[in-house]
Every structure is written in C-alpha cells, then in structure tokens.
Amino acid sequence: MERLPSIGLRGRLAIAIAFILLGALTVTYFAVYRGTGTELRQRTEADLEREVETLSRKMVSDPVLTPEGYSQRASQLAMAENFGTSSRVVSITVGGGIPQTNQPDLLGLGAGDEEGPDHPGDEGDEHHGPGDAHELLEADSGFTSVEVDDVGEVRLLTRTVPLPGGNAARISVGEPLAPVDRALEGFSDTFLIVGLVTLL
C-alpha cells in the first residue's frame, strides 16, 4: 500500500501559522464588530437625548399657553422634522390629546383622524400604523426599540415633560438603525476581504 507523502516541517509550520492567524482574525473581528456596533448605538442614543432636550426646552419656553396652544406648538415642532429611512420620527402629545408627529401615516394618524390612534366605536378593530409602528406612541419612558415595517428597527427615547400651567407633554424621538446596520455590514465585508488576503 502506497504511503502518503509527509507534510514536512515547513508544511506543519504553515498550517500552524494559518490556524493562529485564523484564530486571531476571528477574535479581532468579533471584538471590533461588537465595539463598533456599541459605539454607533451609543452615538444614536446621545443624539436622541440632545433632540429630546431641545424639544423639551422649546415646549416649556415662555409665554405660558393653553392646552390647545401647547398642542399647536407641539405640531409646529414635530412638523419641522423631516422623516426618511435615515432621519428621526418625532411625536409630542400634550395632556393625553392627539399626538402631533412628523409622520402621521406611519403612526396611523392620517389626515382627518380626529380621534387619535384608536377610533371610538370600532370595537375589536385597532387603528394602527403598519407593523408595530403604534408602539412608537405607546412606548414606556426611556430608551426602547421598535421594529417597523419598511423602516426596520427604530431606537426610541420617550420622556414626559411638565409644562407651565399644570400640563405635561409626552415627547418621543426615534431614529431608524438602518444606517448603523449598513455600516456594520460594510465593516463585515471589508474585514472578510482583508482577512482572506492576510490568511493567503
């Protein structure tokens, strides 16, 4: 029976080095990928905090208004924000009234909807936006994540801000994480190519 040729010292060294490189590249990839994802999400949350703080200051700015006046101010602030796959969605609700938002269709608050997200009398029929978009209006205070059809995951910050005159405004600002996901995908592709070249 013919014996297989011996790999030899040089071959064994090459294989050992390849495995060492593969292990190092794998550890580096997961460490950098996780760190990059964490940093990008932290930046997103910091941007949301700044936006909520800005809206809060504008809502409580003098003079003191009636609830209707605050709702009008909320509408003006919300509509000043454009919405797209990489921009923010803003919702401001004064005293449990109708939410004022820059994206009424997304949240199920289309034109002519005078009763807010749920129509009285439509028992058992929830009037919501696509997917779980209604959760943008119902989210707990603090940071939450909501998956929305055609938008993807949205990172959301919600706070209740006391207003002069005994009223309160519920301010929610959300930002789609699609740009973060695309950045991580680009990093993965680049790292894969560089890793293969290095391994070769």
Protein backbone atom coordinates (compact mmCIF):
# COMPACT_ATOMS: atom_id res chain seq x y z
CA MET A 1 0.00 0.00 0.00
CA GLU A 2 1.44 3.35 -1.08
CA ARG A 3 2.15 5.74 1.79
CA LEU A 4 1.04 9.39 1.65
CA PRO A 5 3.91 11.86 1.39
CA SER A 6 4.92 13.51 4.67
CA ILE A 7 3.89 17.14 5.08
CA GLY A 8 7.25 18.05 6.48
CA LEU A 9 8.32 20.71 8.95
CA ARG A 10 7.66 23.61 6.59
CA GLY A 11 4.12 22.38 5.88
CA ARG A 12 3.34 21.89 9.56
CA LEU A 13 4.63 25.38 10.33
CA ALA A 14 2.49 26.87 7.55
CA ILE A 15 -0.62 25.10 8.85
CA ALA A 16 0.12 26.18 12.43
CA ILE A 17 0.60 29.79 11.37
CA ALA A 18 -2.62 29.67 9.33
CA PHE A 19 -4.60 28.44 12.34
CA ILE A 20 -3.02 31.07 14.59
CA LEU A 21 -3.89 33.82 12.08
CA LEU A 22 -7.41 32.48 11.68
CA GLY A 23 -7.95 32.48 15.43
CA ALA A 24 -6.51 35.98 15.82
CA LEU A 25 -8.62 37.32 12.95
CA THR A 26 -11.78 35.75 14.39
CA VAL A 27 -11.21 37.23 17.85
CA THR A 28 -10.34 40.63 16.36
CA TYR A 29 -13.42 40.60 14.13
CA PHE A 30 -15.88 39.91 16.93
CA ALA A 31 -14.19 42.42 19.26
CA VAL A 32 -14.13 45.22 16.68
CA TYR A 33 -17.61 44.39 15.34
CA ARG A 34 -19.14 44.46 18.79
CA GLY A 35 -17.25 47.58 19.80
CA THR A 36 -18.20 49.42 16.61
CA GLY A 37 -21.86 48.46 16.95
CA THR A 38 -21.93 49.57 20.59
CA GLU A 39 -20.27 52.90 19.77
CA LEU A 40 -22.66 53.64 16.89
CA ARG A 41 -25.71 52.85 19.04
CA GLN A 42 -24.36 55.00 21.87
CA ARG A 43 -23.95 57.88 19.44
CA THR A 44 -27.53 57.38 18.26
CA GLU A 45 -28.81 57.45 21.84
CA ALA A 46 -26.76 60.58 22.61
CA ASP A 47 -28.29 62.28 19.55
CA LEU A 48 -31.78 61.29 20.71
CA GLU A 49 -31.12 62.70 24.18
CA ARG A 50 -29.98 66.02 22.71
CA GLU A 51 -33.05 66.15 20.46
CA VAL A 52 -35.45 65.44 23.33
CA GLU A 53 -33.73 68.07 25.48
CA THR A 54 -34.06 70.63 22.67
CA LEU A 55 -37.75 69.86 22.15
CA SER A 56 -38.36 70.00 25.91
CA ARG A 57 -36.82 73.46 26.17
CA LYS A 58 -38.87 74.71 23.24
CA MET A 59 -42.09 73.28 24.67
CA VAL A 60 -41.67 74.99 28.06
CA SER A 61 -40.45 78.31 26.65
CA ASP A 62 -42.47 81.41 27.61
CA PRO A 63 -45.20 82.50 27.39
CA VAL A 64 -47.49 80.08 29.24
CA LEU A 65 -50.05 78.68 26.80
CA THR A 66 -53.40 76.94 26.96
CA PRO A 67 -53.51 73.17 26.27
CA GLU A 68 -54.58 74.00 22.70
CA GLY A 69 -51.69 76.43 22.40
CA TYR A 70 -49.21 73.81 23.57
CA SER A 71 -50.67 71.30 21.08
CA GLN A 72 -50.18 73.84 18.30
CA ARG A 73 -46.59 74.43 19.42
CA ALA A 74 -46.05 70.65 19.51
CA SER A 75 -47.41 70.36 15.96
CA GLN A 76 -45.04 73.06 14.73
CA LEU A 77 -42.02 71.44 16.38
CA ALA A 78 -42.89 67.96 15.12
CA MET A 79 -43.55 69.05 11.55
CA ALA A 80 -40.19 70.84 11.46
CA GLU A 81 -38.60 67.37 11.36
CA ASN A 82 -38.44 65.55 8.03
CA PHE A 83 -38.74 61.76 8.02
CA GLY A 84 -37.00 59.15 5.93
CA THR A 85 -35.19 55.86 6.31
CA SER A 86 -32.25 57.63 7.97
CA SER A 87 -33.93 60.53 9.83
CA ARG A 88 -35.92 60.86 13.04
CA VAL A 89 -39.59 60.44 13.81
CA VAL A 90 -40.99 62.86 16.40
CA SER A 91 -44.19 62.56 18.41
CA ILE A 92 -45.39 65.08 21.02
CA THR A 93 -48.61 64.54 23.00
CA VAL A 94 -49.94 67.27 25.28
CA GLY A 95 -52.20 66.26 28.16
CA GLY A 96 -53.31 62.96 26.66
CA GLY A 97 -54.55 64.67 23.49
CA ILE A 98 -53.94 63.77 19.86
CA PRO A 99 -50.24 63.05 19.18
CA GLN A 100 -48.53 65.63 16.97
CA THR A 101 -45.99 63.97 14.70
CA ASN A 102 -43.93 64.50 11.58
CA GLN A 103 -45.09 61.11 10.24
CA PRO A 104 -48.86 60.71 10.80
CA ASP A 105 -49.29 57.93 8.22
CA LEU A 106 -46.59 55.81 9.82
CA LEU A 107 -48.26 56.10 13.23
CA GLY A 108 -51.80 55.54 11.97
CA LEU A 109 -52.74 59.21 12.38
CA GLY A 110 -53.70 60.06 8.83
CA ALA A 111 -55.41 63.24 7.76
CA GLY A 112 -58.92 63.51 9.07
CA ASP A 113 -58.27 61.27 12.06
CA GLU A 114 -59.77 63.42 14.78
CA GLU A 115 -59.84 60.78 17.48
CA GLY A 116 -56.19 59.83 17.70
CA PRO A 117 -54.79 56.35 17.04
CA ASP A 118 -57.96 54.48 18.04
CA HIS A 119 -61.43 55.18 16.65
CA PRO A 120 -64.18 55.03 19.28
CA GLY A 121 -66.92 52.67 18.30
CA ASP A 122 -64.66 50.35 16.28
CA GLU A 123 -64.71 47.60 18.87
CA GLY A 124 -62.03 45.00 18.39
CA ASP A 125 -60.52 46.92 15.46
CA GLU A 126 -57.25 48.58 16.39
CA HIS A 127 -56.35 51.51 14.15
CA HIS A 128 -52.59 51.28 13.95
CA GLY A 129 -49.87 52.10 11.52
CA PRO A 130 -48.02 49.35 9.64
CA GLY A 131 -46.23 46.68 11.63
CA ASP A 132 -45.64 47.68 15.22
CA ALA A 133 -45.49 51.42 14.49
CA HIS A 134 -48.24 52.06 17.07
CA GLU A 135 -45.70 51.06 19.73
CA LEU A 136 -43.90 54.32 18.98
CA LEU A 137 -46.87 56.06 20.61
CA GLU A 138 -47.24 53.55 23.45
CA ALA A 139 -43.60 53.02 24.42
CA ASP A 140 -42.52 53.23 28.05
CA SER A 141 -40.37 56.11 29.24
CA GLY A 142 -36.68 55.83 28.49
CA PHE A 143 -35.00 54.01 25.63
CA THR A 144 -36.86 51.28 23.72
CA SER A 145 -36.53 49.59 20.33
CA VAL A 146 -39.44 49.07 17.95
CA GLU A 147 -39.49 47.09 14.69
CA VAL A 148 -41.46 48.95 12.00
CA ASP A 149 -42.39 47.67 8.54
CA ASP A 150 -40.49 49.35 5.67
CA VAL A 151 -38.30 51.18 8.21
CA GLY A 152 -36.67 48.45 10.28
CA GLU A 153 -35.59 48.77 13.89
CA VAL A 154 -36.18 52.21 15.41
CA ARG A 155 -34.37 53.29 18.58
CA LEU A 156 -36.77 55.43 20.60
CA LEU A 157 -36.42 57.80 23.56
CA THR A 158 -39.59 58.86 25.41
CA ARG A 159 -39.89 61.41 28.22
CA THR A 160 -42.73 63.22 29.96
CA VAL A 161 -42.01 66.91 30.43
CA PRO A 162 -44.01 69.10 32.88
CA LEU A 163 -45.38 72.24 31.25
CA PRO A 164 -46.20 75.57 32.90
CA GLY A 165 -49.82 75.72 33.98
CA GLY A 166 -50.04 72.12 35.21
CA ASN A 167 -49.96 70.39 31.82
CA ALA A 168 -47.44 67.81 30.61
CA ALA A 169 -46.03 66.80 27.23
CA ARG A 170 -45.02 63.29 26.27
CA ILE A 171 -42.10 63.63 23.86
CA SER A 172 -40.85 60.70 21.79
CA VAL A 173 -37.99 60.84 19.31
CA GLY A 174 -36.98 57.78 17.32
CA GLU A 175 -34.19 57.14 14.85
CA PRO A 176 -34.03 54.18 12.43
CA LEU A 177 -30.99 51.97 12.94
CA ALA A 178 -30.74 51.07 9.25
CA PRO A 179 -27.63 53.28 8.79
CA VAL A 180 -25.95 51.52 11.71
CA ASP A 181 -26.77 48.12 10.21
CA ARG A 182 -25.42 49.19 6.82
CA ALA A 183 -22.20 50.45 8.41
CA LEU A 184 -21.73 47.13 10.21
CA GLU A 185 -22.42 45.19 7.02
CA GLY A 186 -19.81 47.27 5.20
CA PHE A 187 -17.34 46.63 8.00
CA SER A 188 -18.00 42.88 7.81
CA ASP A 189 -17.45 42.78 4.05
CA THR A 190 -14.23 44.78 4.30
CA PHE A 191 -12.90 42.71 7.18
CA LEU A 192 -13.70 39.46 5.33
CA ILE A 193 -11.73 40.56 2.25
CA VAL A 194 -8.77 41.81 4.29
CA GLY A 195 -8.82 38.66 6.42
CA LEU A 196 -8.76 36.34 3.40
CA VAL A 197 -5.90 38.26 1.83
CA THR A 198 -3.97 38.17 5.10
CA LEU A 199 -4.61 34.45 5.55
CA LEU A 200 -3.45 33.71 2.00
